[in-house]
Amino acid sequence: MKKRKNHSPEFKAKVALEAIREEMTLAELSKKYGVHPTQIGTWKRAAIENMATAFARRGTAREQVSAAEVDKLHSKIGQLVVERDFLAEASHQLLGTRGKKW
């Protein structure tokens, strides 16, 4: 069984750029770089789809991601607080220390 190759982002970009230029066919690029033509097509499609992010203003993507991340973290905090309160109440009932602070 062959071990998977991990290609660097620079290598992928280089191959995708050559595929976008269409100076060689995918089969020729595959032979040149030792990568399956389908994989080259996938890298080419990803490069084209993500090309606009190279021209986006810095910080805009971070703000969108961080807003989503903040919502996710607030949700997790709420869940953990409910679990903590439940477990604290259950431990007080089991130990008979209701109303006492640790």
N, C-alpha and C. Protein backbone atom coordinates (compact mmCIF):
# COMPACT_ATOMS: atom_id res chain seq x y z
N MET A 1 0.84 -1.19 0.00
CA MET A 1 0.00 0.00 0.00
C MET A 1 0.88 1.24 0.00
N LYS A 2 0.55 2.18 -0.86
CA LYS A 2 1.33 3.41 -0.96
C LYS A 2 1.00 4.38 0.16
N LYS A 3 1.99 5.10 0.59
CA LYS A 3 1.77 6.14 1.59
C LYS A 3 1.32 7.41 0.88
N ARG A 4 0.40 8.13 1.46
CA ARG A 4 -0.08 9.37 0.86
C ARG A 4 1.02 10.42 0.84
N LYS A 5 1.03 11.19 -0.24
CA LYS A 5 1.97 12.29 -0.33
C LYS A 5 1.30 13.55 0.21
N ASN A 6 2.04 14.29 1.00
CA ASN A 6 1.55 15.58 1.47
C ASN A 6 2.30 16.66 0.70
N HIS A 7 1.57 17.35 -0.16
CA HIS A 7 2.18 18.40 -0.97
C HIS A 7 2.03 19.74 -0.27
N SER A 8 3.06 20.55 -0.39
CA SER A 8 3.04 21.86 0.24
C SER A 8 2.06 22.78 -0.49
N PRO A 9 1.55 23.79 0.20
CA PRO A 9 0.67 24.76 -0.46
C PRO A 9 1.35 25.45 -1.64
N GLU A 10 2.65 25.67 -1.53
CA GLU A 10 3.38 26.31 -2.63
C GLU A 10 3.38 25.42 -3.87
N PHE A 11 3.59 24.12 -3.66
CA PHE A 11 3.58 23.17 -4.78
C PHE A 11 2.21 23.13 -5.42
N LYS A 12 1.17 23.05 -4.60
CA LYS A 12 -0.20 23.01 -5.11
C LYS A 12 -0.51 24.26 -5.92
N ALA A 13 -0.09 25.42 -5.41
CA ALA A 13 -0.34 26.68 -6.11
C ALA A 13 0.39 26.71 -7.44
N LYS A 14 1.61 26.23 -7.45
CA LYS A 14 2.41 26.20 -8.67
C LYS A 14 1.74 25.33 -9.73
N VAL A 15 1.31 24.14 -9.35
CA VAL A 15 0.66 23.22 -10.28
C VAL A 15 -0.69 23.79 -10.73
N ALA A 16 -1.46 24.34 -9.81
CA ALA A 16 -2.77 24.92 -10.14
C ALA A 16 -2.61 26.09 -11.10
N LEU A 17 -1.59 26.91 -10.90
CA LEU A 17 -1.35 28.04 -11.79
C LEU A 17 -1.04 27.57 -13.20
N GLU A 18 -0.23 26.53 -13.30
CA GLU A 18 0.07 25.98 -14.62
C GLU A 18 -1.18 25.42 -15.26
N ALA A 19 -2.04 24.81 -14.47
CA ALA A 19 -3.30 24.27 -15.00
C ALA A 19 -4.22 25.39 -15.47
N ILE A 20 -4.25 26.49 -14.72
CA ILE A 20 -5.08 27.64 -15.11
C ILE A 20 -4.59 28.24 -16.42
N ARG A 21 -3.28 28.30 -16.59
CA ARG A 21 -2.70 28.85 -17.83
C ARG A 21 -3.06 28.03 -19.06
N GLU A 22 -3.32 26.73 -18.86
CA GLU A 22 -3.70 25.80 -19.92
C GLU A 22 -2.68 25.71 -21.05
N GLU A 23 -1.40 25.85 -20.70
CA GLU A 23 -0.34 25.67 -21.69
C GLU A 23 -0.07 24.19 -21.91
N MET A 24 -0.41 23.37 -20.91
CA MET A 24 -0.27 21.92 -20.99
C MET A 24 -1.59 21.29 -20.56
N THR A 25 -1.85 20.08 -21.03
CA THR A 25 -3.07 19.38 -20.61
C THR A 25 -2.88 18.86 -19.19
N LEU A 26 -3.99 18.46 -18.57
CA LEU A 26 -3.90 17.91 -17.22
C LEU A 26 -3.08 16.62 -17.22
N ALA A 27 -3.19 15.84 -18.30
CA ALA A 27 -2.40 14.61 -18.40
C ALA A 27 -0.91 14.93 -18.46
N GLU A 28 -0.54 15.96 -19.20
CA GLU A 28 0.87 16.35 -19.29
C GLU A 28 1.38 16.87 -17.94
N LEU A 29 0.57 17.68 -17.28
CA LEU A 29 0.95 18.17 -15.95
C LEU A 29 1.06 17.02 -14.96
N SER A 30 0.16 16.06 -15.08
CA SER A 30 0.19 14.90 -14.21
C SER A 30 1.50 14.13 -14.36
N LYS A 31 1.91 13.95 -15.59
CA LYS A 31 3.16 13.24 -15.85
C LYS A 31 4.36 14.06 -15.34
N LYS A 32 4.30 15.38 -15.56
CA LYS A 32 5.40 16.26 -15.17
C LYS A 32 5.61 16.28 -13.66
N TYR A 33 4.50 16.36 -12.90
CA TYR A 33 4.59 16.54 -11.45
C TYR A 33 4.30 15.27 -10.65
N GLY A 34 3.86 14.20 -11.32
CA GLY A 34 3.57 12.96 -10.60
C GLY A 34 2.34 13.04 -9.72
N VAL A 35 1.35 13.80 -10.16
CA VAL A 35 0.10 13.97 -9.42
C VAL A 35 -1.05 13.56 -10.34
N HIS A 36 -2.06 12.93 -9.81
CA HIS A 36 -3.20 12.48 -10.61
C HIS A 36 -3.92 13.68 -11.24
N PRO A 37 -4.37 13.54 -12.50
CA PRO A 37 -5.06 14.65 -13.17
C PRO A 37 -6.28 15.17 -12.42
N THR A 38 -7.01 14.27 -11.76
CA THR A 38 -8.18 14.70 -10.98
C THR A 38 -7.76 15.61 -9.83
N GLN A 39 -6.64 15.28 -9.21
CA GLN A 39 -6.14 16.10 -8.10
C GLN A 39 -5.74 17.49 -8.61
N ILE A 40 -5.11 17.53 -9.77
CA ILE A 40 -4.73 18.82 -10.35
C ILE A 40 -5.98 19.64 -10.66
N GLY A 41 -7.01 19.00 -11.17
CA GLY A 41 -8.28 19.68 -11.44
C GLY A 41 -8.90 20.25 -10.17
N THR A 42 -8.79 19.48 -9.09
CA THR A 42 -9.33 19.93 -7.80
C THR A 42 -8.57 21.15 -7.30
N TRP A 43 -7.23 21.10 -7.41
CA TRP A 43 -6.41 22.25 -6.99
C TRP A 43 -6.71 23.48 -7.84
N LYS A 44 -6.90 23.26 -9.14
CA LYS A 44 -7.20 24.37 -10.05
C LYS A 44 -8.53 25.03 -9.66
N ARG A 45 -9.55 24.19 -9.42
CA ARG A 45 -10.87 24.71 -9.05
C ARG A 45 -10.80 25.47 -7.72
N ALA A 46 -10.06 24.93 -6.77
CA ALA A 46 -9.91 25.59 -5.46
C ALA A 46 -9.19 26.93 -5.61
N ALA A 47 -8.18 26.96 -6.47
CA ALA A 47 -7.43 28.21 -6.68
C ALA A 47 -8.33 29.28 -7.29
N ILE A 48 -9.13 28.88 -8.25
CA ILE A 48 -10.03 29.85 -8.91
C ILE A 48 -11.09 30.34 -7.93
N GLU A 49 -11.67 29.43 -7.14
CA GLU A 49 -12.72 29.80 -6.19
C GLU A 49 -12.21 30.72 -5.09
N ASN A 50 -10.95 30.54 -4.68
CA ASN A 50 -10.41 31.31 -3.56
C ASN A 50 -9.56 32.50 -4.01
N MET A 51 -9.53 32.77 -5.29
CA MET A 51 -8.71 33.85 -5.81
C MET A 51 -9.15 35.22 -5.28
N ALA A 52 -10.44 35.40 -5.08
CA ALA A 52 -10.95 36.69 -4.61
C ALA A 52 -10.43 37.05 -3.22
N THR A 53 -10.13 36.07 -2.40
CA THR A 53 -9.65 36.36 -1.05
C THR A 53 -8.28 37.04 -1.06
N ALA A 54 -7.54 36.86 -2.14
CA ALA A 54 -6.24 37.53 -2.24
C ALA A 54 -6.40 39.03 -2.35
N PHE A 55 -7.56 39.49 -2.83
CA PHE A 55 -7.80 40.91 -3.02
C PHE A 55 -8.72 41.50 -1.96
N ALA A 56 -9.14 40.69 -1.00
CA ALA A 56 -10.01 41.18 0.07
C ALA A 56 -9.19 42.03 1.03
N ARG A 57 -9.84 42.96 1.66
CA ARG A 57 -9.16 43.79 2.65
C ARG A 57 -8.77 42.95 3.84
N ARG A 58 -7.62 43.26 4.39
CA ARG A 58 -7.17 42.52 5.56
C ARG A 58 -8.08 42.82 6.74
N GLY A 59 -8.36 41.81 7.50
CA GLY A 59 -9.18 41.98 8.69
C GLY A 59 -10.63 41.66 8.47
N THR A 60 -11.15 41.77 7.24
CA THR A 60 -12.56 41.48 7.03
C THR A 60 -12.87 40.02 7.26
N ALA A 61 -12.06 39.14 6.74
CA ALA A 61 -12.30 37.72 6.94
C ALA A 61 -12.14 37.35 8.41
N ARG A 62 -11.18 37.98 9.07
CA ARG A 62 -10.98 37.69 10.49
C ARG A 62 -12.20 38.08 11.31
N GLU A 63 -12.80 39.22 11.00
CA GLU A 63 -13.97 39.68 11.75
C GLU A 63 -15.12 38.71 11.56
N GLN A 64 -15.33 38.22 10.34
CA GLN A 64 -16.42 37.28 10.08
C GLN A 64 -16.17 35.97 10.82
N VAL A 65 -14.98 35.48 10.76
CA VAL A 65 -14.64 34.24 11.43
C VAL A 65 -14.74 34.42 12.93
N SER A 66 -14.21 35.51 13.43
CA SER A 66 -14.23 35.69 14.88
C SER A 66 -15.65 35.89 15.40
N ALA A 67 -16.54 36.49 14.63
CA ALA A 67 -17.93 36.64 15.08
C ALA A 67 -18.59 35.27 15.20
N ALA A 68 -18.35 34.41 14.22
CA ALA A 68 -18.89 33.06 14.27
C ALA A 68 -18.26 32.29 15.43
N GLU A 69 -16.98 32.47 15.62
CA GLU A 69 -16.27 31.79 16.69
C GLU A 69 -16.77 32.27 18.06
N VAL A 70 -17.03 33.56 18.19
CA VAL A 70 -17.54 34.11 19.45
C VAL A 70 -18.91 33.51 19.76
N ASP A 71 -19.78 33.41 18.75
CA ASP A 71 -21.10 32.81 18.98
C ASP A 71 -20.97 31.36 19.43
N LYS A 72 -20.08 30.64 18.78
CA LYS A 72 -19.86 29.23 19.13
C LYS A 72 -19.34 29.10 20.57
N LEU A 73 -18.41 29.98 20.94
CA LEU A 73 -17.85 29.93 22.28
C LEU A 73 -18.87 30.34 23.34
N HIS A 74 -19.72 31.33 23.04
CA HIS A 74 -20.77 31.72 23.99
C HIS A 74 -21.72 30.56 24.22
N SER A 75 -22.04 29.85 23.16
CA SER A 75 -22.92 28.69 23.28
C SER A 75 -22.28 27.63 24.17
N LYS A 76 -21.01 27.38 23.96
CA LYS A 76 -20.29 26.37 24.75
C LYS A 76 -20.22 26.80 26.22
N ILE A 77 -19.96 28.08 26.46
CA ILE A 77 -19.90 28.58 27.84
C ILE A 77 -21.24 28.38 28.54
N GLY A 78 -22.33 28.70 27.84
CA GLY A 78 -23.66 28.51 28.41
C GLY A 78 -23.91 27.06 28.78
N GLN A 79 -23.50 26.16 27.88
CA GLN A 79 -23.67 24.73 28.13
C GLN A 79 -22.87 24.30 29.36
N LEU A 80 -21.63 24.77 29.45
CA LEU A 80 -20.77 24.39 30.58
C LEU A 80 -21.29 24.95 31.90
N VAL A 81 -21.84 26.16 31.88
CA VAL A 81 -22.40 26.76 33.10
C VAL A 81 -23.58 25.93 33.59
N VAL A 82 -24.45 25.53 32.66
CA VAL A 82 -25.61 24.71 33.04
C VAL A 82 -25.15 23.39 33.63
N GLU A 83 -24.16 22.75 32.98
CA GLU A 83 -23.63 21.49 33.49
C GLU A 83 -23.00 21.66 34.88
N ARG A 84 -22.24 22.73 35.06
CA ARG A 84 -21.59 22.98 36.35
C ARG A 84 -22.63 23.17 37.45
N ASP A 85 -23.65 23.98 37.15
CA ASP A 85 -24.69 24.22 38.15
C ASP A 85 -25.43 22.94 38.51
N PHE A 86 -25.71 22.12 37.50
CA PHE A 86 -26.39 20.85 37.73
C PHE A 86 -25.54 19.95 38.61
N LEU A 87 -24.27 19.82 38.27
CA LEU A 87 -23.38 18.96 39.04
C LEU A 87 -23.15 19.49 40.46
N ALA A 88 -23.09 20.79 40.61
CA ALA A 88 -22.92 21.37 41.94
C ALA A 88 -24.14 21.07 42.81
N GLU A 89 -25.32 21.22 42.23
CA GLU A 89 -26.56 20.93 42.97
C GLU A 89 -26.64 19.45 43.34
N ALA A 90 -26.28 18.59 42.39
CA ALA A 90 -26.32 17.15 42.65
C ALA A 90 -25.32 16.77 43.74
N SER A 91 -24.15 17.35 43.73
CA SER A 91 -23.15 17.03 44.75
C SER A 91 -23.60 17.53 46.12
N HIS A 92 -24.26 18.69 46.17
CA HIS A 92 -24.77 19.20 47.45
C HIS A 92 -25.83 18.27 48.01
N GLN A 93 -26.68 17.75 47.14
CA GLN A 93 -27.73 16.84 47.59
C GLN A 93 -27.14 15.52 48.09
N LEU A 94 -26.13 15.04 47.39
CA LEU A 94 -25.51 13.77 47.80
C LEU A 94 -24.73 13.92 49.11
N LEU A 95 -24.07 15.05 49.29
CA LEU A 95 -23.23 15.24 50.48
C LEU A 95 -23.99 15.88 51.62
N GLY A 96 -25.19 16.32 51.35
CA GLY A 96 -25.98 16.95 52.40
C GLY A 96 -25.43 18.30 52.82
N THR A 97 -24.78 19.00 51.90
CA THR A 97 -24.18 20.29 52.24
C THR A 97 -24.94 21.42 51.55
N ARG A 98 -26.20 21.28 51.45
CA ARG A 98 -26.99 22.28 50.77
C ARG A 98 -26.86 23.62 51.46
N GLY A 99 -26.61 24.65 50.65
CA GLY A 99 -26.51 26.01 51.18
C GLY A 99 -25.12 26.39 51.65
N LYS A 100 -24.23 25.41 51.80
CA LYS A 100 -22.88 25.73 52.24
C LYS A 100 -22.02 26.02 51.02
N LYS A 101 -21.13 26.94 51.17
CA LYS A 101 -20.19 27.27 50.10
C LYS A 101 -18.91 26.48 50.33
N TRP A 102 -18.24 26.11 49.28
CA TRP A 102 -16.98 25.35 49.39
C TRP A 102 -15.95 26.21 49.95
